[in-house]
Amino acid sequence: MSVMTAQLLPQVAPDKTPFWRQCLRGFSQCAFQCNEVTGLVFILAVGVHNWRMAVFYVIGVILGTLVCRLLGGDRTLLGLGLFGFNSGLMGLALGNFFVVNAALWIAVFILACIVGAVTVAAARWLPFPFLAAPFIAVFWVIWPMRSAVGLTAINLGAFGHSTVNYFLAILHGAGSALFCITTLSGALFLLGILAANWRHSVVAATGALVAALLAYSWAPGDAVNSGFAGFNAVLAAVATYELVAADLRLAVLAAIMSTWIFAFMNVHWPSPALASGFVITVWVIMFLGWLNPRFNAAAPAGEPELQSEPEAEPKAVQPPLPAPRAPESPGGVTSRGGRIDRPE
């Protein structure tokens, strides 16, 4: 493990990673990083917002990782921390949406294990990255029956129409990826990503800014400033940059798409939209990447997909002396198109 290229922990093969490092990496995978220091910073980011949510976060990741080990989850994915972060997100969501009572504490333990089991199943059966889908699916199942299991939803109230502050929108959009809407939490979230990969930190901030610029025209000012309208764009931009292609154009596209999809889901879906905008967006972009070479099957691999016909080469014209020789006209002008390769 390295921080800003400085090696702090010895390198270890993913399938040989010890349990404690699997858990720390699980915290960091909430932003698609595989870095123990990032995981510690993320715990701190949640703790400065709400200590109970931080406890739920820790319980979730540890139990999720443990369940996946007991169920024989893929050792490489375990070593990367990919079997812990969905359960960690469940802990954060429970602490964010429900009143703290005895039923909530019990639910954190039970649902963390359930999400861990669903994550193992998703890793085995889905032919594409499961992302945050296991956590979202389980939360959507439990939401309609919340009262029956003793959970009381918090009345979050309506958003006010304050003036948009883009600086706060970026920081709170980043922090809201961990259900934290404090300025310090957002700064720590970006700092945690910076410790693992400075480019990802820039991409995350860019996603939050893109979402704020889009949401300005339709969302109340407080929805933008709180990061509510932007956290899906943060996650979508980083996930696309990491999983699909290290291309800023795709990252911005993902931020735009996820903001619109989240807005649509927030209005029409009967449960909290959560990170559905980011998950659907990444899956759509991956599908388009898979479809693209088949849609343009005639284009040879490695060649431009679209190419214009070259103009006919004009003959050189020799003017009468003593005038100078006229230069030949350029020919063979072509246009080049980009390609998005099918993700592995």
Protein backbone atom coordinates (compact mmCIF):
# COMPACT_ATOMS: atom_id res chain seq x y z
CA MET A 1 0.00 0.00 0.00
CA SER A 2 1.29 3.45 -0.91
CA VAL A 3 0.20 7.00 -0.13
CA MET A 4 1.15 9.62 -2.70
CA THR A 5 3.75 7.11 -4.08
CA ALA A 6 5.23 6.58 -0.56
CA GLN A 7 5.16 2.90 0.42
CA LEU A 8 3.70 2.49 3.93
CA LEU A 9 2.71 -1.17 4.05
CA PRO A 10 4.37 -4.10 2.31
CA GLN A 11 2.90 -5.26 -0.97
CA VAL A 12 0.78 -8.38 -0.66
CA ALA A 13 -1.03 -10.50 -3.23
CA PRO A 14 -4.81 -9.92 -3.13
CA ASP A 15 -5.52 -13.57 -2.30
CA LYS A 16 -3.02 -13.42 0.59
CA THR A 17 -4.31 -10.20 2.18
CA PRO A 18 -4.90 -10.49 5.94
CA PHE A 19 -8.37 -9.91 7.35
CA TRP A 20 -7.63 -6.50 8.88
CA ARG A 21 -6.35 -5.17 5.57
CA GLN A 22 -9.35 -6.62 3.76
CA CYS A 23 -11.58 -4.60 6.07
CA LEU A 24 -9.65 -1.36 5.71
CA ARG A 25 -9.72 -1.74 1.94
CA GLY A 26 -13.44 -2.39 2.20
CA PHE A 27 -13.94 1.09 3.67
CA SER A 28 -11.92 2.62 0.84
CA GLN A 29 -13.88 0.76 -1.85
CA CYS A 30 -16.80 3.08 -1.14
CA ALA A 31 -14.94 5.34 -3.57
CA PHE A 32 -13.39 2.52 -5.65
CA GLN A 33 -9.99 2.72 -4.00
CA CYS A 34 -7.89 -0.12 -2.60
CA ASN A 35 -5.95 1.67 0.08
CA GLU A 36 -5.84 1.15 3.83
CA VAL A 37 -5.08 4.78 4.65
CA THR A 38 -8.02 5.88 2.50
CA GLY A 39 -10.21 3.53 4.53
CA LEU A 40 -9.07 5.07 7.81
CA VAL A 41 -9.69 8.59 6.48
CA PHE A 42 -13.19 7.58 5.38
CA ILE A 43 -13.98 6.31 8.88
CA LEU A 44 -12.81 9.66 10.24
CA ALA A 45 -14.93 11.50 7.64
CA VAL A 46 -18.02 9.69 8.90
CA GLY A 47 -17.04 10.06 12.55
CA VAL A 48 -16.83 13.86 12.44
CA HIS A 49 -20.36 13.88 11.03
CA ASN A 50 -21.99 11.31 13.33
CA TRP A 51 -20.21 8.89 15.63
CA ARG A 52 -23.05 6.36 15.58
CA MET A 53 -22.96 6.22 11.79
CA ALA A 54 -19.21 5.62 12.02
CA VAL A 55 -19.85 2.68 14.36
CA PHE A 56 -22.49 1.28 11.98
CA TYR A 57 -20.03 1.75 9.12
CA VAL A 58 -17.32 -0.23 10.91
CA ILE A 59 -19.74 -2.98 11.97
CA GLY A 60 -21.06 -3.25 8.43
CA VAL A 61 -17.69 -3.60 6.72
CA ILE A 62 -16.32 -6.07 9.27
CA LEU A 63 -19.41 -8.29 9.24
CA GLY A 64 -19.77 -8.11 5.46
CA THR A 65 -16.15 -9.15 4.99
CA LEU A 66 -16.44 -11.92 7.57
CA VAL A 67 -19.62 -13.34 6.00
CA CYS A 68 -18.01 -13.39 2.56
CA ARG A 69 -15.00 -15.25 3.98
CA LEU A 70 -17.29 -17.82 5.62
CA LEU A 71 -19.27 -18.28 2.40
CA GLY A 72 -16.13 -18.88 0.36
CA GLY A 73 -16.13 -15.61 -1.55
CA ASP A 74 -13.46 -15.11 -4.17
CA ARG A 75 -10.13 -14.59 -2.37
CA THR A 76 -8.92 -11.97 -4.82
CA LEU A 77 -12.07 -9.87 -4.46
CA LEU A 78 -11.81 -10.25 -0.69
CA GLY A 79 -8.23 -9.02 -0.78
CA LEU A 80 -9.29 -5.97 -2.75
CA GLY A 81 -11.95 -5.11 -0.17
CA LEU A 82 -14.82 -5.59 -2.59
CA PHE A 83 -16.83 -7.79 -0.25
CA GLY A 84 -17.08 -5.29 2.58
CA PHE A 85 -18.14 -1.94 1.24
CA ASN A 86 -21.77 -2.83 0.39
CA SER A 87 -22.40 -3.87 3.99
CA GLY A 88 -20.65 -0.70 5.12
CA LEU A 89 -22.98 1.38 2.96
CA MET A 90 -25.94 -0.40 4.51
CA GLY A 91 -24.73 0.62 7.96
CA LEU A 92 -24.37 4.23 6.82
CA ALA A 93 -27.81 4.27 5.20
CA LEU A 94 -29.50 2.81 8.28
CA GLY A 95 -27.90 5.47 10.46
CA ASN A 96 -28.92 8.19 8.02
CA PHE A 97 -32.56 7.28 7.41
CA PHE A 98 -33.75 5.79 10.71
CA VAL A 99 -34.13 6.89 14.31
CA VAL A 100 -31.58 5.27 16.60
CA ASN A 101 -33.28 2.66 18.79
CA ALA A 102 -32.77 -0.96 19.82
CA ALA A 103 -34.34 -2.25 16.62
CA LEU A 104 -31.89 -0.23 14.53
CA TRP A 105 -28.85 -1.67 16.33
CA ILE A 106 -30.16 -5.18 15.72
CA ALA A 107 -30.93 -4.33 12.10
CA VAL A 108 -27.37 -3.13 11.49
CA PHE A 109 -25.95 -6.54 12.46
CA ILE A 110 -28.55 -8.60 10.60
CA LEU A 111 -28.67 -6.54 7.41
CA ALA A 112 -24.89 -6.28 7.20
CA CYS A 113 -24.74 -10.08 7.07
CA ILE A 114 -27.59 -10.29 4.56
CA VAL A 115 -25.93 -7.75 2.27
CA GLY A 116 -22.66 -9.68 2.58
CA ALA A 117 -24.39 -12.86 1.41
CA VAL A 118 -26.10 -11.03 -1.47
CA THR A 119 -22.73 -9.58 -2.47
CA VAL A 120 -21.20 -13.06 -2.73
CA ALA A 121 -24.13 -14.18 -4.87
CA ALA A 122 -23.83 -11.11 -7.10
CA ALA A 123 -20.10 -11.70 -7.57
CA ARG A 124 -20.78 -15.29 -8.65
CA TRP A 125 -23.76 -14.73 -10.90
CA LEU A 126 -23.46 -11.28 -12.45
CA PRO A 127 -21.23 -11.07 -15.55
CA PHE A 128 -20.47 -7.41 -14.82
CA PRO A 129 -19.40 -5.41 -11.72
CA PHE A 130 -22.05 -5.45 -8.99
CA LEU A 131 -21.02 -1.99 -7.70
CA ALA A 132 -23.44 -0.91 -4.92
CA ALA A 133 -26.35 -2.98 -6.22
CA PRO A 134 -26.45 -5.51 -3.31
CA PHE A 135 -26.82 -2.76 -0.71
CA ILE A 136 -29.42 -0.88 -2.78
CA ALA A 137 -31.49 -3.99 -3.47
CA VAL A 138 -31.60 -5.06 0.19
CA PHE A 139 -32.43 -1.53 1.37
CA TRP A 140 -35.27 -1.26 -1.14
CA VAL A 141 -36.68 -4.57 0.14
CA ILE A 142 -36.55 -3.49 3.79
CA TRP A 143 -37.90 0.04 3.26
CA PRO A 144 -41.63 -0.88 2.78
CA MET A 145 -41.56 -3.13 5.86
CA ARG A 146 -39.62 -0.76 8.11
CA SER A 147 -42.44 -0.22 10.58
CA ALA A 148 -43.08 -3.93 10.88
CA VAL A 149 -39.51 -4.55 12.04
CA GLY A 150 -39.50 -1.65 14.50
CA LEU A 151 -37.61 0.93 12.42
CA THR A 152 -38.76 4.56 12.44
CA ALA A 153 -37.87 6.70 9.45
CA ILE A 154 -36.45 10.15 10.10
CA ASN A 155 -38.42 13.04 8.65
CA LEU A 156 -35.71 14.77 6.65
CA GLY A 157 -38.01 17.65 5.65
CA ALA A 158 -38.08 19.69 2.45
CA PHE A 159 -35.15 21.54 0.91
CA GLY A 160 -35.03 25.32 1.15
CA HIS A 161 -34.36 27.74 -1.70
CA SER A 162 -31.08 29.25 -0.59
CA THR A 163 -28.48 30.65 -2.99
CA VAL A 164 -26.29 27.97 -4.55
CA ASN A 165 -22.73 27.91 -3.24
CA TYR A 166 -20.64 25.80 -5.60
CA PHE A 167 -17.78 25.39 -3.16
CA LEU A 168 -20.11 23.87 -0.58
CA ALA A 169 -21.86 21.85 -3.28
CA ILE A 170 -18.58 20.20 -4.26
CA LEU A 171 -17.53 19.38 -0.69
CA HIS A 172 -20.97 18.26 0.42
CA GLY A 173 -21.45 16.27 -2.78
CA ALA A 174 -18.25 14.41 -1.96
CA GLY A 175 -19.21 13.86 1.67
CA SER A 176 -22.70 12.71 0.74
CA ALA A 177 -21.16 9.69 -0.98
CA LEU A 178 -20.76 8.51 2.64
CA PHE A 179 -24.12 10.01 3.73
CA CYS A 180 -22.25 12.89 5.41
CA ILE A 181 -23.19 16.46 4.56
CA THR A 182 -20.67 18.36 6.62
CA THR A 183 -17.93 20.42 4.98
CA LEU A 184 -15.18 18.68 6.94
CA SER A 185 -16.49 15.24 5.96
CA GLY A 186 -16.43 16.21 2.30
CA ALA A 187 -12.89 17.56 2.57
CA LEU A 188 -11.76 14.37 4.29
CA PHE A 189 -13.46 12.24 1.64
CA LEU A 190 -11.53 14.00 -1.13
CA LEU A 191 -8.37 13.85 0.96
CA GLY A 192 -8.83 10.11 1.43
CA ILE A 193 -9.10 9.60 -2.32
CA LEU A 194 -6.13 11.91 -2.84
CA ALA A 195 -4.03 9.64 -0.63
CA ALA A 196 -4.69 6.77 -3.03
CA ASN A 197 -4.88 8.52 -6.41
CA TRP A 198 -4.81 12.26 -7.00
CA ARG A 199 -6.49 11.92 -10.40
CA HIS A 200 -9.47 10.18 -8.82
CA SER A 201 -9.77 13.02 -6.33
CA VAL A 202 -9.92 15.55 -9.17
CA VAL A 203 -12.48 13.42 -11.01
CA ALA A 204 -14.65 13.19 -7.88
CA ALA A 205 -14.62 16.98 -7.41
CA THR A 206 -15.36 17.46 -11.11
CA GLY A 207 -18.35 15.14 -10.88
CA ALA A 208 -19.73 17.12 -7.94
CA LEU A 209 -19.28 20.39 -9.85
CA VAL A 210 -20.98 19.04 -12.98
CA ALA A 211 -23.95 17.86 -10.92
CA ALA A 212 -24.23 21.22 -9.15
CA LEU A 213 -24.21 23.07 -12.46
CA LEU A 214 -26.95 20.83 -13.82
CA ALA A 215 -29.07 20.78 -10.67
CA TYR A 216 -28.95 24.57 -10.34
CA SER A 217 -31.75 24.89 -12.91
CA TRP A 218 -34.23 22.46 -11.32
CA ALA A 219 -33.33 21.65 -7.72
CA PRO A 220 -33.79 23.89 -4.66
CA GLY A 221 -30.61 25.62 -3.54
CA ASP A 222 -30.34 23.54 -0.37
CA ALA A 223 -30.56 20.32 -2.39
CA VAL A 224 -27.51 21.46 -4.36
CA ASN A 225 -25.58 22.88 -1.41
CA SER A 226 -26.19 19.79 0.75
CA GLY A 227 -24.69 17.49 -1.87
CA PHE A 228 -27.97 15.61 -2.28
CA ALA A 229 -28.05 16.36 -6.00
CA GLY A 230 -24.36 15.64 -6.52
CA PHE A 231 -23.19 12.48 -4.73
CA ASN A 232 -24.33 10.13 -7.51
CA ALA A 233 -22.26 12.14 -9.97
CA VAL A 234 -19.21 11.86 -7.70
CA LEU A 235 -19.47 8.09 -7.57
CA ALA A 236 -20.34 7.69 -11.25
CA ALA A 237 -17.43 9.83 -12.41
CA VAL A 238 -14.86 7.97 -10.29
CA ALA A 239 -16.30 4.52 -11.08
CA THR A 240 -16.34 5.21 -14.82
CA TYR A 241 -12.82 6.61 -14.77
CA GLU A 242 -11.57 3.58 -12.83
CA LEU A 243 -13.63 0.71 -14.29
CA VAL A 244 -14.36 1.75 -17.88
CA ALA A 245 -11.59 4.04 -19.11
CA ALA A 246 -9.33 6.74 -17.71
CA ASP A 247 -11.05 9.32 -19.89
CA LEU A 248 -12.28 12.64 -18.53
CA ARG A 249 -14.90 12.85 -21.28
CA LEU A 250 -16.50 9.62 -20.12
CA ALA A 251 -16.28 10.72 -16.48
CA VAL A 252 -18.15 13.95 -17.25
CA LEU A 253 -20.71 12.03 -19.32
CA ALA A 254 -21.24 9.69 -16.37
CA ALA A 255 -21.71 12.66 -14.02
CA ILE A 256 -24.35 14.14 -16.33
CA MET A 257 -26.21 10.86 -16.85
CA SER A 258 -26.20 9.88 -13.19
CA THR A 259 -27.53 13.28 -12.11
CA TRP A 260 -30.49 12.97 -14.48
CA ILE A 261 -31.20 9.32 -13.60
CA PHE A 262 -31.00 10.05 -9.86
CA ALA A 263 -33.40 12.98 -10.27
CA PHE A 264 -35.82 10.74 -12.16
CA MET A 265 -35.57 7.93 -9.58
CA ASN A 266 -35.96 10.36 -6.71
CA VAL A 267 -39.30 11.53 -8.09
CA HIS A 268 -40.77 8.26 -9.34
CA TRP A 269 -39.30 5.50 -7.17
CA PRO A 270 -41.26 4.65 -3.98
CA SER A 271 -38.11 4.23 -1.88
CA PRO A 272 -35.06 6.48 -1.40
CA ALA A 273 -33.14 6.57 -4.67
CA LEU A 274 -29.78 6.07 -2.90
CA ALA A 275 -26.90 5.50 -5.34
CA SER A 276 -29.11 4.02 -8.07
CA GLY A 277 -28.25 6.83 -10.48
CA PHE A 278 -24.56 5.99 -10.36
CA VAL A 279 -25.07 2.21 -10.62
CA ILE A 280 -27.44 2.42 -13.60
CA THR A 281 -25.17 4.93 -15.33
CA VAL A 282 -22.04 2.80 -15.06
CA TRP A 283 -23.91 -0.27 -16.26
CA VAL A 284 -25.28 1.64 -19.26
CA ILE A 285 -21.84 2.96 -20.19
CA MET A 286 -20.36 -0.53 -19.87
CA PHE A 287 -23.13 -1.94 -22.05
CA LEU A 288 -22.48 0.71 -24.69
CA GLY A 289 -18.77 -0.12 -24.53
CA TRP A 290 -19.62 -3.79 -25.11
CA LEU A 291 -22.01 -2.92 -27.94
CA ASN A 292 -19.80 -0.36 -29.66
CA PRO A 293 -17.36 -2.67 -31.54
CA ARG A 294 -20.30 -4.86 -32.63
CA PHE A 295 -22.21 -1.83 -33.87
CA ASN A 296 -19.11 -0.81 -35.85
CA ALA A 297 -18.00 -4.32 -36.79
CA ALA A 298 -16.73 -3.21 -40.23
CA ALA A 299 -14.03 -1.03 -38.70
CA PRO A 300 -10.75 -2.93 -38.32
CA ALA A 301 -9.46 -3.20 -34.75
CA GLY A 302 -7.32 -0.22 -33.84
CA GLU A 303 -8.52 1.81 -36.81
CA PRO A 304 -10.87 4.83 -36.76
CA GLU A 305 -14.53 3.86 -36.78
CA LEU A 306 -15.51 6.61 -39.18
CA GLN A 307 -13.43 7.79 -42.08
CA SER A 308 -14.37 10.25 -44.77
CA GLU A 309 -13.55 9.63 -48.40
CA PRO A 310 -10.36 11.41 -49.43
CA GLU A 311 -10.68 14.09 -51.99
CA ALA A 312 -9.20 13.46 -55.44
CA GLU A 313 -5.61 14.63 -55.70
CA PRO A 314 -5.61 17.65 -58.03
CA LYS A 315 -3.00 17.91 -60.70
CA ALA A 316 -0.22 20.41 -60.24
CA VAL A 317 -0.68 23.56 -62.27
CA GLN A 318 2.33 25.16 -63.93
CA PRO A 319 1.59 28.85 -64.46
CA PRO A 320 3.29 30.80 -67.25
CA LEU A 321 6.75 32.13 -66.49
CA PRO A 322 7.93 34.22 -64.76
CA ALA A 323 5.23 33.67 -62.15
CA PRO A 324 6.17 31.29 -59.28
CA ARG A 325 4.98 27.67 -59.26
CA ALA A 326 1.62 27.26 -57.57
CA PRO A 327 1.61 24.76 -54.64
CA GLU A 328 -0.36 21.54 -54.93
CA SER A 329 -3.70 21.37 -53.07
CA PRO A 330 -3.72 19.07 -50.01
CA GLY A 331 -5.62 15.83 -50.39
CA GLY A 332 -6.53 12.77 -48.37
CA VAL A 333 -8.04 14.70 -45.46
CA THR A 334 -9.68 12.28 -43.05
CA SER A 335 -11.72 12.57 -39.88
CA ARG A 336 -10.92 10.37 -36.90
CA GLY A 337 -13.43 9.01 -34.39
CA GLY A 338 -12.78 7.84 -30.84
CA ARG A 339 -13.42 4.34 -29.67
CA ILE A 340 -14.58 3.00 -26.33
CA ASP A 341 -13.21 -0.51 -26.02
CA ARG A 342 -15.27 -3.23 -24.44
CA PRO A 343 -14.41 -3.28 -20.72
CA GLU A 344 -12.70 -6.44 -19.51
